[in-house]
Amino acid sequence: MTRRPAAATLCFFVLVLNALGQSIDNPRAHFHHVRLNVTNVDESIRFYSRVFGAVPVKFHGVSDALFTERSLILFNKVAQPPPSELSSGIWHIGWGGVDVKNEFEWWKKQGVDIHTPLSPLPGPDNYYFYILGPDKELIEINTMGHHRFAHVHLFASDVNETTRWYVEHLGVTPQRPIPVQKPEGDMQTLRTIWINSFRCDNVSFIVFGKPDRDPSPPWWPDRPLREIKPTQGRPIDHVAFSFRQIEPVFQRMQAAGAKIVEPIAVQDALKLKSFFVLAPDDVLVEIVEAKPFPDGAWED
C-alpha cells in the first residue's frame, strides 16, 4: 500500500478548503440574522409569518423569533417607534417574487402598507415594489423566481470602501472587482448607479452609492441623501454573521483596526455569544458564534 506523504496530504486539504471559499486562518462568514427594533413582537411575528411565510420559533428556547429558510429575524423590543426616515446604511431588506405583476394584487389584499407601487425593472416580466413592515421597516419584493428572503440593500458613501470591508473581514467574494469605477455625470438611470454586491450563503448584499445628487435618481423619491446615519436604533437595527469560533475573528478585526462597539459577551436573553462592530457608514454588524444553518438553528 502506498502512503501519501504528510506534506502532500496537507496540501490536498488546503486546496479543497480554498476551493470551497474557506481557509483555515480566515474562514468565511455565514449569514445569521437581521435584528429589528419593534414595538410589538407578536404583531411583527404575525406580519412576517402571514405575508412572507416566515416560521415562528423560539430561538435557543428563550426568545420569540422567525426562521426564514436559512436565517433568522430577531427582535429588540422598544417602547417607542424607532425613527423610520430612510437615511441609514441599511436601506431595506428584500424577498423574492415569481409573477410579481399579478402577485402585487395579492399582497395588496393582505392589507400591507404599500410604500412604492409596482414598478418595472429592465427585462421582460421584471418588477419590484416596496412595502412597510409594522415599525416602518422598508421591504422590497422583486422578481426573483422564488418567494424567499433574498437580500439586504446597503447605502454607502464609498462603494469600494464598504465592499472591501466585508470582503476583508467576512471572507465574502465581491461580484465586481474592487475598485468599481464611480460613475460621473448623470445618475438618472439604473445603469449609472455606483454599485457592487456580494453573497453570504443565500442572501445577497447590494451596495449602492448613496443617492446624494440633485436631482435625485428616479428610484429615490426623497431629497438627496447627503449624510448616512447610524443603523443602531432604527427599524432595521443591524445584520449578523456567524463563525464557529469568534475569538480569532475578534482578534483579527481588532488588529485590523475595525471599530469594535461591544466586546465578546453572552446575551442572556438570547443565549447568544457575540460581539458588535461598525462597518462603514455606521452599519452595525453583529458577529455571532454559531454553527452554519440549518443545523445551527437548532443546536447549541
Protein backbone atom coordinates (compact mmCIF):
# COMPACT_ATOMS: atom_id res chain seq x y z
CA MET A 1 0.00 0.00 0.00
CA THR A 2 1.38 3.40 -0.98
CA ARG A 3 1.19 6.07 1.74
CA ARG A 4 0.55 9.65 0.73
CA PRO A 5 3.30 11.89 2.16
CA ALA A 6 2.10 14.13 5.01
CA ALA A 7 3.02 17.32 3.13
CA ALA A 8 1.05 16.21 0.09
CA THR A 9 -1.96 15.35 2.26
CA LEU A 10 -1.90 18.78 3.94
CA CYS A 11 -1.60 20.48 0.56
CA PHE A 12 -4.58 18.50 -0.71
CA PHE A 13 -6.81 19.62 2.16
CA VAL A 14 -5.73 23.25 1.80
CA LEU A 15 -6.67 23.12 -1.89
CA VAL A 16 -10.07 21.64 -1.02
CA LEU A 17 -10.74 24.34 1.57
CA ASN A 18 -9.73 27.08 -0.83
CA ALA A 19 -11.97 25.61 -3.50
CA LEU A 20 -14.85 25.89 -1.05
CA GLY A 21 -14.07 29.56 -0.45
CA GLN A 22 -12.75 28.77 3.03
CA SER A 23 -9.32 28.91 4.64
CA ILE A 24 -8.03 27.68 7.97
CA ASP A 25 -6.78 31.12 9.07
CA ASN A 26 -9.64 33.19 7.66
CA PRO A 27 -12.90 31.19 7.47
CA ARG A 28 -15.79 32.58 5.52
CA ALA A 29 -18.74 34.02 7.45
CA HIS A 30 -22.25 32.65 7.26
CA PHE A 31 -25.33 34.82 7.35
CA HIS A 32 -27.17 34.55 10.66
CA HIS A 33 -29.90 37.13 11.21
CA VAL A 34 -31.46 40.54 10.76
CA ARG A 35 -32.35 42.31 14.01
CA LEU A 36 -35.37 44.61 14.01
CA ASN A 37 -36.41 47.21 16.59
CA VAL A 38 -40.14 46.63 17.13
CA THR A 39 -42.81 47.95 19.45
CA ASN A 40 -44.88 44.76 19.37
CA VAL A 41 -43.05 41.46 18.86
CA ASP A 42 -46.27 39.46 18.45
CA GLU A 43 -47.53 41.81 15.74
CA SER A 44 -44.23 41.58 13.85
CA ILE A 45 -44.26 37.79 14.04
CA ARG A 46 -47.83 37.71 12.71
CA PHE A 47 -46.90 40.06 9.87
CA TYR A 48 -43.83 38.19 8.61
CA SER A 49 -45.41 34.76 9.00
CA ARG A 50 -48.61 35.82 7.21
CA VAL A 51 -47.07 37.91 4.42
CA PHE A 52 -43.79 36.06 3.81
CA GLY A 53 -44.30 32.62 5.31
CA ALA A 54 -41.57 33.03 7.94
CA VAL A 55 -41.78 30.35 10.62
CA PRO A 56 -42.25 31.41 14.27
CA VAL A 57 -39.63 29.75 16.50
CA LYS A 58 -38.18 30.02 19.98
CA PHE A 59 -34.55 30.97 19.41
CA HIS A 60 -32.45 28.80 21.74
CA GLY A 61 -35.71 28.08 23.52
CA VAL A 62 -35.85 31.52 25.13
CA SER A 63 -36.77 34.24 22.62
CA ASP A 64 -39.56 34.66 20.07
CA ALA A 65 -38.05 34.83 16.59
CA LEU A 66 -38.68 33.95 12.95
CA PHE A 67 -36.87 31.44 10.75
CA THR A 68 -36.62 32.27 7.05
CA GLU A 69 -35.22 29.31 5.09
CA ARG A 70 -31.57 29.64 6.20
CA SER A 71 -31.51 32.63 8.53
CA LEU A 72 -33.37 34.34 11.34
CA ILE A 73 -35.21 37.52 12.16
CA LEU A 74 -34.61 38.53 15.78
CA PHE A 75 -36.22 41.38 17.67
CA ASN A 76 -35.33 44.16 20.06
CA LYS A 77 -38.48 45.21 21.96
CA VAL A 78 -38.59 49.02 22.17
CA ALA A 79 -41.04 51.32 23.96
CA GLN A 80 -41.29 53.97 21.26
CA PRO A 81 -41.49 53.58 17.46
CA PRO A 82 -37.96 53.81 16.04
CA PRO A 83 -37.18 56.71 13.67
CA SER A 84 -38.11 55.49 10.21
CA GLU A 85 -36.61 58.10 7.88
CA LEU A 86 -34.67 56.29 5.15
CA SER A 87 -31.27 57.70 5.97
CA SER A 88 -29.17 54.85 7.36
CA GLY A 89 -26.68 52.50 5.73
CA ILE A 90 -29.28 49.71 5.60
CA TRP A 91 -31.84 50.86 3.05
CA HIS A 92 -34.12 47.83 3.12
CA ILE A 93 -34.44 44.05 3.29
CA GLY A 94 -35.99 42.07 0.44
CA TRP A 95 -37.97 39.00 -0.53
CA GLY A 96 -38.35 37.41 -3.93
CA GLY A 97 -41.43 37.04 -6.09
CA VAL A 98 -42.26 34.98 -9.16
CA ASP A 99 -45.14 36.60 -11.07
CA VAL A 100 -44.73 39.92 -9.28
CA LYS A 101 -47.08 41.89 -11.53
CA ASN A 102 -50.01 39.66 -10.54
CA GLU A 103 -48.73 38.88 -7.05
CA PHE A 104 -48.77 42.60 -6.28
CA GLU A 105 -52.57 42.42 -6.19
CA TRP A 106 -52.40 39.52 -3.70
CA TRP A 107 -50.08 41.47 -1.42
CA LYS A 108 -52.42 44.45 -1.52
CA LYS A 109 -55.29 42.17 -0.43
CA GLN A 110 -53.19 41.17 2.59
CA GLY A 111 -53.57 44.75 3.77
CA VAL A 112 -49.86 45.58 3.60
CA ASP A 113 -48.75 49.21 3.67
CA ILE A 114 -47.56 49.96 0.12
CA HIS A 115 -44.61 52.36 0.15
CA THR A 116 -43.74 52.29 -3.57
CA PRO A 117 -46.23 50.89 -6.12
CA LEU A 118 -45.45 48.25 -8.70
CA SER A 119 -42.64 49.46 -10.95
CA PRO A 120 -40.82 47.90 -13.93
CA LEU A 121 -37.19 46.84 -13.98
CA PRO A 122 -35.09 46.20 -17.11
CA GLY A 123 -36.01 42.91 -18.77
CA PRO A 124 -39.27 41.11 -19.53
CA ASP A 125 -41.70 40.49 -16.66
CA ASN A 126 -39.31 42.07 -14.19
CA TYR A 127 -40.89 44.21 -11.47
CA TYR A 128 -40.44 45.49 -7.94
CA PHE A 129 -42.37 47.31 -5.25
CA TYR A 130 -41.81 48.30 -1.62
CA ILE A 131 -43.96 47.74 1.44
CA LEU A 132 -43.58 48.81 5.05
CA GLY A 133 -43.39 46.43 7.99
CA PRO A 134 -45.17 47.05 11.31
CA ASP A 135 -42.48 49.50 12.50
CA LYS A 136 -41.99 51.17 9.11
CA GLU A 137 -39.04 48.99 8.10
CA LEU A 138 -38.74 49.10 4.32
CA ILE A 139 -39.14 45.79 2.47
CA GLU A 140 -38.64 45.21 -1.25
CA ILE A 141 -40.35 42.49 -3.26
CA ASN A 142 -38.88 41.92 -6.71
CA THR A 143 -38.86 39.30 -9.44
CA MET A 144 -36.51 36.54 -8.31
CA GLY A 145 -38.17 33.29 -9.37
CA HIS A 146 -38.86 32.33 -5.73
CA HIS A 147 -40.58 33.64 -2.60
CA ARG A 148 -37.65 33.51 -0.18
CA PHE A 149 -35.84 36.07 1.91
CA ALA A 150 -33.25 37.18 -0.61
CA HIS A 151 -31.30 40.37 0.04
CA VAL A 152 -30.14 43.26 2.19
CA HIS A 153 -29.65 46.57 0.38
CA LEU A 154 -26.96 48.91 1.70
CA PHE A 155 -26.20 52.57 1.05
CA ALA A 156 -22.53 53.59 1.03
CA SER A 157 -20.58 56.82 0.92
CA ASP A 158 -17.87 54.84 -0.86
CA VAL A 159 -18.95 51.61 -2.55
CA ASN A 160 -15.38 50.35 -2.82
CA GLU A 161 -14.57 51.00 0.83
CA THR A 162 -17.78 49.34 2.02
CA THR A 163 -17.43 46.28 -0.21
CA ARG A 164 -13.76 45.89 0.72
CA TRP A 165 -14.66 45.92 4.44
CA TYR A 166 -17.00 42.94 4.09
CA VAL A 167 -14.57 41.11 1.80
CA GLU A 168 -11.64 41.54 4.17
CA HIS A 169 -13.45 40.82 7.43
CA LEU A 170 -16.03 38.23 6.38
CA GLY A 171 -14.28 36.40 3.56
CA VAL A 172 -17.04 37.03 1.01
CA THR A 173 -16.39 37.45 -2.70
CA PRO A 174 -17.40 40.67 -4.48
CA GLN A 175 -19.43 40.41 -7.64
CA ARG A 176 -17.25 43.03 -9.35
CA PRO A 177 -13.53 43.62 -8.88
CA ILE A 178 -12.57 46.40 -6.46
CA PRO A 179 -12.29 49.25 -7.23
CA VAL A 180 -15.51 49.78 -9.09
CA GLN A 181 -15.38 52.98 -11.10
CA LYS A 182 -17.67 55.67 -9.73
CA PRO A 183 -19.99 56.96 -12.48
CA GLU A 184 -19.60 60.56 -13.48
CA GLY A 185 -22.30 62.97 -14.52
CA ASP A 186 -25.92 61.90 -14.91
CA MET A 187 -27.33 59.32 -12.45
CA GLN A 188 -30.84 59.30 -13.89
CA THR A 189 -30.88 55.66 -14.97
CA LEU A 190 -30.26 52.39 -13.17
CA ARG A 191 -27.28 51.72 -15.42
CA THR A 192 -25.19 54.52 -13.93
CA ILE A 193 -25.55 53.57 -10.27
CA TRP A 194 -22.28 53.10 -8.46
CA ILE A 195 -22.83 49.52 -7.32
CA ASN A 196 -21.23 46.31 -6.13
CA SER A 197 -22.57 43.26 -4.32
CA PHE A 198 -21.64 40.04 -2.59
CA ARG A 199 -23.44 36.92 -1.41
CA CYS A 200 -23.34 35.33 2.01
CA ASP A 201 -24.99 31.92 1.85
CA ASN A 202 -28.36 32.52 0.17
CA VAL A 203 -28.54 36.26 0.95
CA SER A 204 -27.28 38.91 -1.47
CA PHE A 205 -25.92 42.21 -0.20
CA ILE A 206 -26.28 45.00 -2.74
CA VAL A 207 -24.10 48.04 -2.11
CA PHE A 208 -25.38 51.26 -3.74
CA GLY A 209 -23.63 54.57 -3.75
CA LYS A 210 -25.83 56.87 -1.66
CA PRO A 211 -28.27 58.97 -3.76
CA ASP A 212 -26.69 62.30 -2.88
CA ARG A 213 -27.10 64.05 -6.22
CA ASP A 214 -29.64 66.72 -7.07
CA PRO A 215 -31.94 65.96 -8.78
CA SER A 216 -32.23 62.52 -7.20
CA PRO A 217 -32.34 59.43 -9.44
CA PRO A 218 -35.85 58.16 -10.27
CA TRP A 219 -35.63 55.21 -7.86
CA TRP A 220 -35.08 57.58 -4.92
CA PRO A 221 -38.16 59.79 -4.37
CA ASP A 222 -36.79 61.58 -1.29
CA ARG A 223 -34.44 64.52 -1.13
CA PRO A 224 -30.75 63.79 -1.84
CA LEU A 225 -29.17 61.70 0.90
CA ARG A 226 -26.10 63.70 1.92
CA GLU A 227 -25.39 62.16 5.32
CA ILE A 228 -25.82 58.49 6.22
CA LYS A 229 -26.92 57.98 9.83
CA PRO A 230 -26.15 55.00 12.12
CA THR A 231 -28.39 51.96 11.81
CA GLN A 232 -28.50 51.27 15.55
CA GLY A 233 -31.87 52.25 16.96
CA ARG A 234 -33.61 52.37 13.60
CA PRO A 235 -36.26 49.86 12.41
CA ILE A 236 -33.56 47.65 10.84
CA ASP A 237 -31.02 47.79 13.65
CA HIS A 238 -28.28 45.52 12.34
CA VAL A 239 -27.30 42.41 10.44
CA ALA A 240 -25.40 39.45 11.87
CA PHE A 241 -22.91 36.93 10.54
CA SER A 242 -21.72 33.76 12.20
CA PHE A 243 -18.49 31.84 12.68
CA ARG A 244 -17.98 28.60 14.58
CA GLN A 245 -15.44 30.36 16.81
CA ILE A 246 -15.44 34.13 17.22
CA GLU A 247 -12.37 34.75 19.40
CA PRO A 248 -9.99 34.54 16.39
CA VAL A 249 -12.36 36.72 14.36
CA PHE A 250 -12.47 39.32 17.14
CA GLN A 251 -8.68 39.34 17.35
CA ARG A 252 -8.27 39.72 13.59
CA MET A 253 -10.79 42.55 13.39
CA GLN A 254 -9.28 44.34 16.36
CA ALA A 255 -5.76 44.03 14.92
CA ALA A 256 -7.03 45.35 11.58
CA GLY A 257 -8.44 48.46 13.23
CA ALA A 258 -12.13 47.62 12.93
CA LYS A 259 -14.38 49.72 15.18
CA ILE A 260 -15.40 47.35 17.97
CA VAL A 261 -18.60 48.57 19.62
CA GLU A 262 -19.14 45.79 22.17
CA PRO A 263 -16.61 43.06 23.04
CA ILE A 264 -17.38 39.37 23.16
CA ALA A 265 -20.19 38.66 25.61
CA VAL A 266 -23.11 36.29 26.10
CA GLN A 267 -26.55 37.85 25.74
CA ASP A 268 -28.54 36.06 28.43
CA ALA A 269 -31.87 36.94 26.84
CA LEU A 270 -30.86 35.06 23.69
CA LYS A 271 -28.22 32.63 24.97
CA LEU A 272 -26.09 34.10 22.21
CA LYS A 273 -22.35 34.66 22.27
CA SER A 274 -21.33 37.54 20.04
CA PHE A 275 -19.63 40.91 19.62
CA PHE A 276 -20.58 44.06 17.73
CA VAL A 277 -18.56 46.06 15.22
CA LEU A 278 -19.22 49.04 12.96
CA ALA A 279 -18.95 48.61 9.21
CA PRO A 280 -18.52 51.74 7.02
CA ASP A 281 -21.24 54.38 7.35
CA ASP A 282 -22.01 53.18 10.89
CA VAL A 283 -23.77 50.00 9.84
CA LEU A 284 -23.96 47.90 12.99
CA VAL A 285 -22.78 44.32 12.46
CA GLU A 286 -23.02 41.51 14.97
CA ILE A 287 -20.58 38.61 14.83
CA VAL A 288 -22.20 35.50 16.32
CA GLU A 289 -20.70 32.22 17.46
CA ALA A 290 -22.87 29.53 15.89
CA LYS A 291 -22.85 26.59 13.56
CA PRO A 292 -23.95 27.28 9.98
CA PHE A 293 -27.63 26.82 9.17
CA PRO A 294 -29.64 24.67 9.02
CA ASP A 295 -28.23 22.67 11.95
CA GLY A 296 -27.02 25.85 13.63
CA ALA A 297 -30.61 26.97 14.14
CA TRP A 298 -31.38 24.11 16.47
CA GLU A 299 -28.09 23.10 18.13
CA ASP A 300 -26.40 24.94 20.99
